[in-house]
Amino acid sequence: MAVIVLALGLVLIVEGLAYALAPSLIERLLEMLRALPLDQRRNAGMVALALGVALVWLAHLMGADLGG
């Protein structure tokens, strides 16, 4: 459970930094996302998901304690 809380905290830190340091860039990115067709947005989400899983797996291979 602690690993999940840690991961969510890290995500919120990165998201918060993006919104705090470059809010106009976030608005432009959201406009570009709205212009993409739904299937391209879905594919981008799947790529992000796969990359996240790969990074977690890499951290595990490097010896990170993932609570298991």
N, C-alpha and C. Protein backbone atom coordinates (compact mmCIF):
# COMPACT_ATOMS: atom_id res chain seq x y z
N MET A 1 0.83 -1.20 0.00
CA MET A 1 0.00 0.00 0.00
C MET A 1 0.87 1.26 0.00
N ALA A 2 1.98 1.21 0.72
CA ALA A 2 2.86 2.38 0.79
C ALA A 2 3.44 2.71 -0.58
N VAL A 3 3.68 1.68 -1.39
CA VAL A 3 4.24 1.91 -2.72
C VAL A 3 3.22 2.66 -3.59
N ILE A 4 1.95 2.31 -3.45
CA ILE A 4 0.90 2.99 -4.22
C ILE A 4 0.80 4.45 -3.81
N VAL A 5 0.83 4.71 -2.51
CA VAL A 5 0.78 6.09 -2.02
C VAL A 5 2.00 6.87 -2.52
N LEU A 6 3.18 6.24 -2.49
CA LEU A 6 4.40 6.89 -2.99
C LEU A 6 4.26 7.21 -4.47
N ALA A 7 3.78 6.25 -5.26
CA ALA A 7 3.63 6.46 -6.70
C ALA A 7 2.65 7.59 -6.99
N LEU A 8 1.52 7.60 -6.30
CA LEU A 8 0.54 8.67 -6.51
C LEU A 8 1.11 10.02 -6.11
N GLY A 9 1.86 10.06 -5.02
CA GLY A 9 2.50 11.31 -4.61
C GLY A 9 3.47 11.81 -5.65
N LEU A 10 4.27 10.92 -6.23
CA LEU A 10 5.22 11.33 -7.27
C LEU A 10 4.49 11.83 -8.52
N VAL A 11 3.41 11.18 -8.89
CA VAL A 11 2.63 11.64 -10.05
C VAL A 11 2.09 13.05 -9.78
N LEU A 12 1.55 13.26 -8.59
CA LEU A 12 1.00 14.58 -8.27
C LEU A 12 2.08 15.66 -8.23
N ILE A 13 3.27 15.32 -7.79
CA ILE A 13 4.38 16.28 -7.80
C ILE A 13 4.69 16.70 -9.24
N VAL A 14 4.83 15.72 -10.12
CA VAL A 14 5.16 16.03 -11.52
C VAL A 14 4.03 16.82 -12.17
N GLU A 15 2.79 16.40 -11.96
CA GLU A 15 1.65 17.12 -12.53
C GLU A 15 1.58 18.54 -11.97
N GLY A 16 1.77 18.67 -10.67
CA GLY A 16 1.72 19.99 -10.05
C GLY A 16 2.80 20.92 -10.57
N LEU A 17 3.99 20.38 -10.77
CA LEU A 17 5.07 21.20 -11.33
C LEU A 17 4.72 21.69 -12.73
N ALA A 18 4.17 20.81 -13.54
CA ALA A 18 3.81 21.20 -14.91
C ALA A 18 2.79 22.33 -14.89
N TYR A 19 1.75 22.19 -14.07
CA TYR A 19 0.72 23.24 -14.00
C TYR A 19 1.25 24.52 -13.38
N ALA A 20 2.16 24.42 -12.41
CA ALA A 20 2.68 25.60 -11.74
C ALA A 20 3.69 26.36 -12.60
N LEU A 21 4.52 25.62 -13.34
CA LEU A 21 5.59 26.26 -14.09
C LEU A 21 5.21 26.64 -15.52
N ALA A 22 4.25 25.93 -16.11
CA ALA A 22 3.93 26.19 -17.51
C ALA A 22 2.43 26.00 -17.79
N PRO A 23 1.58 26.79 -17.14
CA PRO A 23 0.14 26.60 -17.35
C PRO A 23 -0.31 26.87 -18.79
N SER A 24 0.33 27.82 -19.47
CA SER A 24 -0.08 28.08 -20.86
C SER A 24 0.32 26.92 -21.77
N LEU A 25 1.43 26.27 -21.47
CA LEU A 25 1.83 25.10 -22.25
C LEU A 25 0.83 23.97 -22.06
N ILE A 26 0.34 23.79 -20.84
CA ILE A 26 -0.66 22.76 -20.58
C ILE A 26 -1.93 23.04 -21.38
N GLU A 27 -2.34 24.31 -21.44
CA GLU A 27 -3.53 24.66 -22.23
C GLU A 27 -3.33 24.34 -23.71
N ARG A 28 -2.15 24.64 -24.25
CA ARG A 28 -1.88 24.32 -25.66
C ARG A 28 -1.87 22.82 -25.90
N LEU A 29 -1.29 22.07 -24.95
CA LEU A 29 -1.27 20.62 -25.09
C LEU A 29 -2.69 20.04 -25.06
N LEU A 30 -3.54 20.58 -24.18
CA LEU A 30 -4.92 20.12 -24.13
C LEU A 30 -5.67 20.44 -25.43
N GLU A 31 -5.40 21.60 -26.01
CA GLU A 31 -6.02 21.94 -27.29
C GLU A 31 -5.58 20.98 -28.39
N MET A 32 -4.29 20.63 -28.39
CA MET A 32 -3.79 19.68 -29.38
C MET A 32 -4.42 18.30 -29.18
N LEU A 33 -4.59 17.90 -27.92
CA LEU A 33 -5.23 16.62 -27.64
C LEU A 33 -6.68 16.60 -28.12
N ARG A 34 -7.39 17.71 -27.91
CA ARG A 34 -8.78 17.79 -28.38
C ARG A 34 -8.87 17.66 -29.89
N ALA A 35 -7.84 18.10 -30.61
CA ALA A 35 -7.85 18.05 -32.06
C ALA A 35 -7.57 16.64 -32.59
N LEU A 36 -6.99 15.77 -31.77
CA LEU A 36 -6.68 14.42 -32.21
C LEU A 36 -7.94 13.56 -32.23
N PRO A 37 -8.03 12.67 -33.20
CA PRO A 37 -9.15 11.72 -33.20
C PRO A 37 -9.10 10.81 -31.96
N LEU A 38 -10.24 10.30 -31.59
CA LEU A 38 -10.35 9.48 -30.39
C LEU A 38 -9.41 8.28 -30.42
N ASP A 39 -9.29 7.62 -31.57
CA ASP A 39 -8.43 6.43 -31.62
C ASP A 39 -6.96 6.78 -31.42
N GLN A 40 -6.53 7.94 -31.88
CA GLN A 40 -5.14 8.36 -31.66
C GLN A 40 -4.90 8.68 -30.19
N ARG A 41 -5.90 9.28 -29.53
CA ARG A 41 -5.76 9.54 -28.09
C ARG A 41 -5.70 8.24 -27.31
N ARG A 42 -6.52 7.28 -27.72
CA ARG A 42 -6.52 5.98 -27.06
C ARG A 42 -5.16 5.29 -27.25
N ASN A 43 -4.62 5.35 -28.47
CA ASN A 43 -3.31 4.75 -28.73
C ASN A 43 -2.22 5.43 -27.91
N ALA A 44 -2.29 6.75 -27.79
CA ALA A 44 -1.30 7.46 -26.97
C ALA A 44 -1.40 7.02 -25.51
N GLY A 45 -2.61 6.82 -25.03
CA GLY A 45 -2.81 6.33 -23.67
C GLY A 45 -2.23 4.93 -23.47
N MET A 46 -2.41 4.07 -24.46
CA MET A 46 -1.87 2.72 -24.38
C MET A 46 -0.34 2.73 -24.39
N VAL A 47 0.25 3.62 -25.20
CA VAL A 47 1.71 3.75 -25.23
C VAL A 47 2.21 4.24 -23.87
N ALA A 48 1.52 5.22 -23.29
CA ALA A 48 1.92 5.73 -21.97
C ALA A 48 1.79 4.63 -20.92
N LEU A 49 0.73 3.85 -21.00
CA LEU A 49 0.54 2.75 -20.07
C LEU A 49 1.66 1.73 -20.20
N ALA A 50 1.99 1.35 -21.43
CA ALA A 50 3.06 0.37 -21.66
C ALA A 50 4.41 0.91 -21.17
N LEU A 51 4.66 2.19 -21.42
CA LEU A 51 5.91 2.79 -20.95
C LEU A 51 5.98 2.80 -19.43
N GLY A 52 4.87 3.10 -18.78
CA GLY A 52 4.83 3.09 -17.32
C GLY A 52 5.10 1.70 -16.77
N VAL A 53 4.48 0.69 -17.36
CA VAL A 53 4.72 -0.69 -16.92
C VAL A 53 6.19 -1.06 -17.13
N ALA A 54 6.74 -0.67 -18.27
CA ALA A 54 8.15 -0.98 -18.55
C ALA A 54 9.07 -0.30 -17.54
N LEU A 55 8.76 0.93 -17.16
CA LEU A 55 9.59 1.64 -16.18
C LEU A 55 9.50 1.00 -14.80
N VAL A 56 8.30 0.57 -14.42
CA VAL A 56 8.14 -0.10 -13.13
C VAL A 56 8.91 -1.42 -13.14
N TRP A 57 8.81 -2.15 -14.25
CA TRP A 57 9.55 -3.41 -14.37
C TRP A 57 11.07 -3.16 -14.31
N LEU A 58 11.52 -2.12 -14.99
CA LEU A 58 12.94 -1.78 -14.96
C LEU A 58 13.39 -1.43 -13.54
N ALA A 59 12.57 -0.67 -12.83
CA ALA A 59 12.90 -0.34 -11.44
C ALA A 59 12.99 -1.61 -10.60
N HIS A 60 12.09 -2.54 -10.86
CA HIS A 60 12.12 -3.81 -10.13
C HIS A 60 13.42 -4.57 -10.43
N LEU A 61 13.81 -4.60 -11.71
CA LEU A 61 15.04 -5.30 -12.09
C LEU A 61 16.27 -4.63 -11.48
N MET A 62 16.20 -3.32 -11.28
CA MET A 62 17.32 -2.58 -10.70
C MET A 62 17.37 -2.70 -9.18
N GLY A 63 16.40 -3.41 -8.61
CA GLY A 63 16.45 -3.67 -7.18
C GLY A 63 15.51 -2.84 -6.34
N ALA A 64 14.63 -2.07 -6.94
CA ALA A 64 13.69 -1.27 -6.15
C ALA A 64 12.73 -2.20 -5.42
N ASP A 65 12.46 -1.89 -4.17
CA ASP A 65 11.51 -2.68 -3.39
C ASP A 65 10.11 -2.20 -3.71
N LEU A 66 9.35 -3.01 -4.44
CA LEU A 66 8.02 -2.62 -4.87
C LEU A 66 6.95 -3.18 -3.96
N GLY A 67 7.32 -3.53 -2.75
CA GLY A 67 6.35 -3.96 -1.77
C GLY A 67 5.99 -5.43 -1.87
N GLY A 68 6.64 -6.18 -2.74
CA GLY A 68 6.27 -7.57 -2.91
C GLY A 68 7.34 -8.43 -2.46
